[in-house]
Structures are given as C-alpha cells and as structure tokens.
PDB file of all heavy atoms in Angstrom:
ATOM      1  N   THR A   1       0.819  -1.214   0.000  1.00  0.00           N
ATOM      2  CA  THR A   1       0.000   0.000   0.000  1.00  0.00           C
ATOM      3  C   THR A   1       0.849   1.259   0.000  1.00  0.00           C
ATOM      4  O   THR A   1       0.316   2.364  -0.013  1.00  0.00           O
ATOM      5  CB  THR A   1      -0.942   0.058   1.222  1.00  0.00           C
ATOM      6  OG1 THR A   1      -0.192   0.406   2.402  1.00  0.00           O
ATOM      7  CG2 THR A   1      -1.684  -1.244   1.416  1.00  0.00           C
ATOM      8  N   PHE A   2       2.155   1.121   0.018  1.00  0.00           N
ATOM      9  CA  PHE A   2       3.078   2.247   0.161  1.00  0.00           C
ATOM     10  C   PHE A   2       3.491   2.769  -1.216  1.00  0.00           C
ATOM     11  O   PHE A   2       4.094   2.053  -2.007  1.00  0.00           O
ATOM     12  CB  PHE A   2       4.316   1.791   0.942  1.00  0.00           C
ATOM     13  CG  PHE A   2       5.285   2.883   1.277  1.00  0.00           C
ATOM     14  CD1 PHE A   2       5.069   3.700   2.373  1.00  0.00           C
ATOM     15  CD2 PHE A   2       6.423   3.081   0.516  1.00  0.00           C
ATOM     16  CE1 PHE A   2       5.971   4.699   2.702  1.00  0.00           C
ATOM     17  CE2 PHE A   2       7.325   4.082   0.834  1.00  0.00           C
ATOM     18  CZ  PHE A   2       7.111   4.887   1.923  1.00  0.00           C
ATOM     19  N   TYR A   3       3.162   4.023  -1.494  1.00  0.00           N
ATOM     20  CA  TYR A   3       3.525   4.689  -2.749  1.00  0.00           C
ATOM     21  C   TYR A   3       4.263   5.971  -2.414  1.00  0.00           C
ATOM     22  O   TYR A   3       3.847   6.703  -1.509  1.00  0.00           O
ATOM     23  CB  TYR A   3       2.277   5.021  -3.576  1.00  0.00           C
ATOM     24  CG  TYR A   3       1.622   3.812  -4.167  1.00  0.00           C
ATOM     25  CD1 TYR A   3       0.820   2.979  -3.392  1.00  0.00           C
ATOM     26  CD2 TYR A   3       1.816   3.480  -5.501  1.00  0.00           C
ATOM     27  CE1 TYR A   3       0.227   1.851  -3.934  1.00  0.00           C
ATOM     28  CE2 TYR A   3       1.226   2.350  -6.052  1.00  0.00           C
ATOM     29  CZ  TYR A   3       0.438   1.547  -5.258  1.00  0.00           C
ATOM     30  OH  TYR A   3      -0.140   0.422  -5.798  1.00  0.00           O
ATOM     31  N   CYS A   4       5.342   6.241  -3.127  1.00  0.00           N
ATOM     32  CA  CYS A   4       6.071   7.482  -2.884  1.00  0.00           C
ATOM     33  C   CYS A   4       6.568   8.063  -4.198  1.00  0.00           C
ATOM     34  O   CYS A   4       6.663   7.362  -5.209  1.00  0.00           O
ATOM     35  CB  CYS A   4       7.214   7.283  -1.902  1.00  0.00           C
ATOM     36  SG  CYS A   4       8.569   6.281  -2.497  1.00  0.00           S
ATOM     37  N   LYS A   5       6.874   9.335  -4.160  1.00  0.00           N
ATOM     38  CA  LYS A   5       7.398   9.992  -5.353  1.00  0.00           C
ATOM     39  C   LYS A   5       8.768   9.400  -5.683  1.00  0.00           C
ATOM     40  O   LYS A   5       9.577   9.145  -4.790  1.00  0.00           O
ATOM     41  CB  LYS A   5       7.445  11.498  -5.153  1.00  0.00           C
ATOM     42  CG  LYS A   5       6.051  12.093  -5.071  1.00  0.00           C
ATOM     43  CD  LYS A   5       6.059  13.585  -5.064  1.00  0.00           C
ATOM     44  CE  LYS A   5       4.625  14.114  -5.065  1.00  0.00           C
ATOM     45  NZ  LYS A   5       4.591  15.564  -4.836  1.00  0.00           N
ATOM     46  N   ARG A   6       8.987   9.177  -6.955  1.00  0.00           N
ATOM     47  CA  ARG A   6      10.224   8.523  -7.410  1.00  0.00           C
ATOM     48  C   ARG A   6      11.457   9.300  -6.993  1.00  0.00           C
ATOM     49  O   ARG A   6      12.484   8.710  -6.636  1.00  0.00           O
ATOM     50  CB  ARG A   6      10.196   8.337  -8.930  1.00  0.00           C
ATOM     51  CG  ARG A   6      11.432   7.652  -9.484  1.00  0.00           C
ATOM     52  CD  ARG A   6      11.335   7.396 -10.981  1.00  0.00           C
ATOM     53  NE  ARG A   6      10.910   8.534 -11.744  1.00  0.00           N
ATOM     54  CZ  ARG A   6      11.729   9.475 -12.231  1.00  0.00           C
ATOM     55  NH1 ARG A   6      13.016   9.404 -12.027  1.00  0.00           N
ATOM     56  NH2 ARG A   6      11.239  10.481 -12.930  1.00  0.00           N
ATOM     57  N   ASN A   7      11.392  10.613  -7.016  1.00  0.00           N
ATOM     58  CA  ASN A   7      12.582  11.407  -6.696  1.00  0.00           C
ATOM     59  C   ASN A   7      13.062  11.206  -5.258  1.00  0.00           C
ATOM     60  O   ASN A   7      14.200  11.524  -4.934  1.00  0.00           O
ATOM     61  CB  ASN A   7      12.353  12.886  -7.001  1.00  0.00           C
ATOM     62  CG  ASN A   7      11.316  13.534  -6.107  1.00  0.00           C
ATOM     63  OD1 ASN A   7      10.602  12.876  -5.356  1.00  0.00           O
ATOM     64  ND2 ASN A   7      11.225  14.851  -6.189  1.00  0.00           N
ATOM     65  N   LEU A   8      12.227  10.659  -4.388  1.00  0.00           N
ATOM     66  CA  LEU A   8      12.663  10.397  -3.015  1.00  0.00           C
ATOM     67  C   LEU A   8      13.766   9.355  -2.975  1.00  0.00           C
ATOM     68  O   LEU A   8      14.669   9.423  -2.139  1.00  0.00           O
ATOM     69  CB  LEU A   8      11.484   9.943  -2.155  1.00  0.00           C
ATOM     70  CG  LEU A   8      10.336  10.928  -2.002  1.00  0.00           C
ATOM     71  CD1 LEU A   8       9.258  10.355  -1.094  1.00  0.00           C
ATOM     72  CD2 LEU A   8      10.823  12.273  -1.493  1.00  0.00           C
ATOM     73  N   PHE A   9      13.718   8.367  -3.874  1.00  0.00           N
ATOM     74  CA  PHE A   9      14.770   7.357  -3.921  1.00  0.00           C
ATOM     75  C   PHE A   9      16.085   7.990  -4.356  1.00  0.00           C
ATOM     76  O   PHE A   9      17.147   7.647  -3.844  1.00  0.00           O
ATOM     77  CB  PHE A   9      14.392   6.213  -4.860  1.00  0.00           C
ATOM     78  CG  PHE A   9      13.238   5.390  -4.358  1.00  0.00           C
ATOM     79  CD1 PHE A   9      11.982   5.509  -4.944  1.00  0.00           C
ATOM     80  CD2 PHE A   9      13.394   4.508  -3.305  1.00  0.00           C
ATOM     81  CE1 PHE A   9      10.911   4.761  -4.486  1.00  0.00           C
ATOM     82  CE2 PHE A   9      12.326   3.751  -2.839  1.00  0.00           C
ATOM     83  CZ  PHE A   9      11.082   3.879  -3.424  1.00  0.00           C
ATOM     84  N   GLU A  10      16.004   8.898  -5.310  1.00  0.00           N
ATOM     85  CA  GLU A  10      17.208   9.569  -5.776  1.00  0.00           C
ATOM     86  C   GLU A  10      17.797  10.464  -4.677  1.00  0.00           C
ATOM     87  O   GLU A  10      19.009  10.553  -4.521  1.00  0.00           O
ATOM     88  CB  GLU A  10      16.891  10.395  -7.024  1.00  0.00           C
ATOM     89  CG  GLU A  10      16.453   9.536  -8.197  1.00  0.00           C
ATOM     90  CD  GLU A  10      15.729  10.302  -9.296  1.00  0.00           C
ATOM     91  OE1 GLU A  10      15.605  11.540  -9.196  1.00  0.00           O
ATOM     92  OE2 GLU A  10      15.278   9.647 -10.248  1.00  0.00           O
ATOM     93  N   LYS A  11      16.941  11.078  -3.898  1.00  0.00           N
ATOM     94  CA  LYS A  11      17.384  12.011  -2.862  1.00  0.00           C
ATOM     95  C   LYS A  11      17.810  11.312  -1.573  1.00  0.00           C
ATOM     96  O   LYS A  11      18.802  11.687  -0.955  1.00  0.00           O
ATOM     97  CB  LYS A  11      16.254  13.008  -2.565  1.00  0.00           C
ATOM     98  CG  LYS A  11      16.639  14.105  -1.612  1.00  0.00           C
ATOM     99  CD  LYS A  11      15.534  15.142  -1.509  1.00  0.00           C
ATOM    100  CE  LYS A  11      15.955  16.274  -0.578  1.00  0.00           C
ATOM    101  NZ  LYS A  11      14.911  17.292  -0.463  1.00  0.00           N
ATOM    102  N   PHE A  12      17.057  10.275  -1.149  1.00  0.00           N
ATOM    103  CA  PHE A  12      17.289   9.657   0.154  1.00  0.00           C
ATOM    104  C   PHE A  12      17.814   8.225   0.083  1.00  0.00           C
ATOM    105  O   PHE A  12      18.083   7.624   1.106  1.00  0.00           O
ATOM    106  CB  PHE A  12      16.004   9.695   0.985  1.00  0.00           C
ATOM    107  CG  PHE A  12      15.524  11.086   1.252  1.00  0.00           C
ATOM    108  CD1 PHE A  12      14.417  11.595   0.589  1.00  0.00           C
ATOM    109  CD2 PHE A  12      16.186  11.911   2.148  1.00  0.00           C
ATOM    110  CE1 PHE A  12      13.967  12.885   0.823  1.00  0.00           C
ATOM    111  CE2 PHE A  12      15.749  13.201   2.391  1.00  0.00           C
ATOM    112  CZ  PHE A  12      14.640  13.695   1.728  1.00  0.00           C
ATOM    113  N   GLY A  13      17.928   7.671  -1.102  1.00  0.00           N
ATOM    114  CA  GLY A  13      18.485   6.333  -1.249  1.00  0.00           C
ATOM    115  C   GLY A  13      17.439   5.260  -1.485  1.00  0.00           C
ATOM    116  O   GLY A  13      16.251   5.458  -1.257  1.00  0.00           O
ATOM    117  N   TYR A  14      17.923   4.127  -1.926  1.00  0.00           N
ATOM    118  CA  TYR A  14      17.094   2.971  -2.256  1.00  0.00           C
ATOM    119  C   TYR A  14      16.979   2.056  -1.032  1.00  0.00           C
ATOM    120  O   TYR A  14      17.441   2.384   0.054  1.00  0.00           O
ATOM    121  CB  TYR A  14      17.711   2.234  -3.445  1.00  0.00           C
ATOM    122  CG  TYR A  14      17.751   3.085  -4.695  1.00  0.00           C
ATOM    123  CD1 TYR A  14      18.809   3.946  -4.956  1.00  0.00           C
ATOM    124  CD2 TYR A  14      16.708   3.052  -5.609  1.00  0.00           C
ATOM    125  CE1 TYR A  14      18.832   4.746  -6.095  1.00  0.00           C
ATOM    126  CE2 TYR A  14      16.713   3.841  -6.757  1.00  0.00           C
ATOM    127  CZ  TYR A  14      17.784   4.685  -6.982  1.00  0.00           C
ATOM    128  OH  TYR A  14      17.797   5.467  -8.103  1.00  0.00           O
ATOM    129  N   TYR A  15      16.381   0.885  -1.252  1.00  0.00           N
ATOM    130  CA  TYR A  15      16.314  -0.104  -0.183  1.00  0.00           C
ATOM    131  C   TYR A  15      17.730  -0.557   0.134  1.00  0.00           C
ATOM    132  O   TYR A  15      18.489  -0.937  -0.757  1.00  0.00           O
ATOM    133  CB  TYR A  15      15.466  -1.310  -0.605  1.00  0.00           C
ATOM    134  CG  TYR A  15      14.006  -1.003  -0.690  1.00  0.00           C
ATOM    135  CD1 TYR A  15      13.419  -0.641  -1.902  1.00  0.00           C
ATOM    136  CD2 TYR A  15      13.199  -1.056   0.437  1.00  0.00           C
ATOM    137  CE1 TYR A  15      12.071  -0.342  -1.988  1.00  0.00           C
ATOM    138  CE2 TYR A  15      11.846  -0.760   0.360  1.00  0.00           C
ATOM    139  CZ  TYR A  15      11.296  -0.403  -0.854  1.00  0.00           C
ATOM    140  OH  TYR A  15       9.968  -0.101  -0.926  1.00  0.00           O
ATOM    141  N   SER A  16      18.083  -0.539   1.400  1.00  0.00           N
ATOM    142  CA  SER A  16      19.408  -0.997   1.812  1.00  0.00           C
ATOM    143  C   SER A  16      19.414  -2.519   1.873  1.00  0.00           C
ATOM    144  O   SER A  16      18.480  -3.123   2.406  1.00  0.00           O
ATOM    145  CB  SER A  16      19.756  -0.431   3.187  1.00  0.00           C
ATOM    146  OG  SER A  16      20.948  -1.012   3.659  1.00  0.00           O
ATOM    147  N   LEU A  17      20.458  -3.120   1.358  1.00  0.00           N
ATOM    148  CA  LEU A  17      20.578  -4.575   1.412  1.00  0.00           C
ATOM    149  C   LEU A  17      21.246  -5.023   2.711  1.00  0.00           C
ATOM    150  O   LEU A  17      21.488  -6.210   2.907  1.00  0.00           O
ATOM    151  CB  LEU A  17      21.366  -5.084   0.202  1.00  0.00           C
ATOM    152  CG  LEU A  17      20.798  -4.694  -1.168  1.00  0.00           C
ATOM    153  CD1 LEU A  17      21.581  -5.388  -2.278  1.00  0.00           C
ATOM    154  CD2 LEU A  17      19.320  -4.981  -1.288  1.00  0.00           C
ATOM    155  N   ASN A  18      21.490  -4.088   3.606  1.00  0.00           N
ATOM    156  CA  ASN A  18      22.166  -4.398   4.875  1.00  0.00           C
ATOM    157  C   ASN A  18      21.220  -4.797   5.998  1.00  0.00           C
ATOM    158  O   ASN A  18      21.678  -5.150   7.078  1.00  0.00           O
ATOM    159  CB  ASN A  18      22.983  -3.175   5.347  1.00  0.00           C
ATOM    160  CG  ASN A  18      24.075  -2.812   4.378  1.00  0.00           C
ATOM    161  OD1 ASN A  18      24.657  -3.673   3.739  1.00  0.00           O
ATOM    162  ND2 ASN A  18      24.343  -1.525   4.255  1.00  0.00           N
ATOM    163  N   TYR A  19      19.904  -4.722   5.766  1.00  0.00           N
ATOM    164  CA  TYR A  19      18.957  -4.944   6.856  1.00  0.00           C
ATOM    165  C   TYR A  19      18.075  -6.175   6.684  1.00  0.00           C
ATOM    166  O   TYR A  19      17.086  -6.337   7.393  1.00  0.00           O
ATOM    167  CB  TYR A  19      18.082  -3.696   7.046  1.00  0.00           C
ATOM    168  CG  TYR A  19      18.878  -2.503   7.479  1.00  0.00           C
ATOM    169  CD1 TYR A  19      19.204  -1.502   6.571  1.00  0.00           C
ATOM    170  CD2 TYR A  19      19.338  -2.389   8.780  1.00  0.00           C
ATOM    171  CE1 TYR A  19      19.955  -0.396   6.957  1.00  0.00           C
ATOM    172  CE2 TYR A  19      20.094  -1.301   9.186  1.00  0.00           C
ATOM    173  CZ  TYR A  19      20.404  -0.317   8.270  1.00  0.00           C
ATOM    174  OH  TYR A  19      21.153   0.757   8.656  1.00  0.00           O
ATOM    175  N   GLY A  20      18.393  -7.035   5.749  1.00  0.00           N
ATOM    176  CA  GLY A  20      17.608  -8.252   5.560  1.00  0.00           C
ATOM    177  C   GLY A  20      16.140  -7.948   5.345  1.00  0.00           C
ATOM    178  O   GLY A  20      15.786  -7.050   4.579  1.00  0.00           O
ATOM    179  N   THR A  21      15.285  -8.660   6.058  1.00  0.00           N
ATOM    180  CA  THR A  21      13.842  -8.491   5.884  1.00  0.00           C
ATOM    181  C   THR A  21      13.306  -7.195   6.473  1.00  0.00           C
ATOM    182  O   THR A  21      12.126  -6.894   6.307  1.00  0.00           O
ATOM    183  CB  THR A  21      13.075  -9.673   6.508  1.00  0.00           C
ATOM    184  OG1 THR A  21      13.399  -9.731   7.901  1.00  0.00           O
ATOM    185  CG2 THR A  21      13.418 -10.984   5.828  1.00  0.00           C
ATOM    186  N   ALA A  22      14.149  -6.426   7.131  1.00  0.00           N
ATOM    187  CA  ALA A  22      13.722  -5.142   7.699  1.00  0.00           C
ATOM    188  C   ALA A  22      14.028  -3.975   6.762  1.00  0.00           C
ATOM    189  O   ALA A  22      13.892  -2.821   7.155  1.00  0.00           O
ATOM    190  CB  ALA A  22      14.380  -4.923   9.054  1.00  0.00           C
ATOM    191  N   ALA A  23      14.435  -4.242   5.536  1.00  0.00           N
ATOM    192  CA  ALA A  23      14.808  -3.160   4.617  1.00  0.00           C
ATOM    193  C   ALA A  23      13.642  -2.230   4.316  1.00  0.00           C
ATOM    194  O   ALA A  23      13.841  -1.021   4.183  1.00  0.00           O
ATOM    195  CB  ALA A  23      15.372  -3.740   3.316  1.00  0.00           C
ATOM    196  N   ASP A  24      12.427  -2.754   4.219  1.00  0.00           N
ATOM    197  CA  ASP A  24      11.285  -1.874   3.963  1.00  0.00           C
ATOM    198  C   ASP A  24      10.996  -1.004   5.186  1.00  0.00           C
ATOM    199  O   ASP A  24      10.711   0.184   5.061  1.00  0.00           O
ATOM    200  CB  ASP A  24      10.046  -2.643   3.513  1.00  0.00           C
ATOM    201  CG  ASP A  24       9.668  -3.795   4.405  1.00  0.00           C
ATOM    202  OD1 ASP A  24      10.422  -4.144   5.330  1.00  0.00           O
ATOM    203  OD2 ASP A  24       8.593  -4.373   4.170  1.00  0.00           O
TER     204      ASP A  24
END
C-alpha cells in the first residue's frame, strides 16, 4: 500500500541490502 514519489529514492536512497527483511 506504500507509494512514494520517485525522486525520493534519488534524494534519500534505495532499499538498503544491509537490513535483511527489515529493509522496507
């Protein structure tokens, strides 16, 4: 259900692969 503006990923980063199942 989570939708966000695409530019937020560019500004604040993508999903981190360092947190396992807690990345979201």
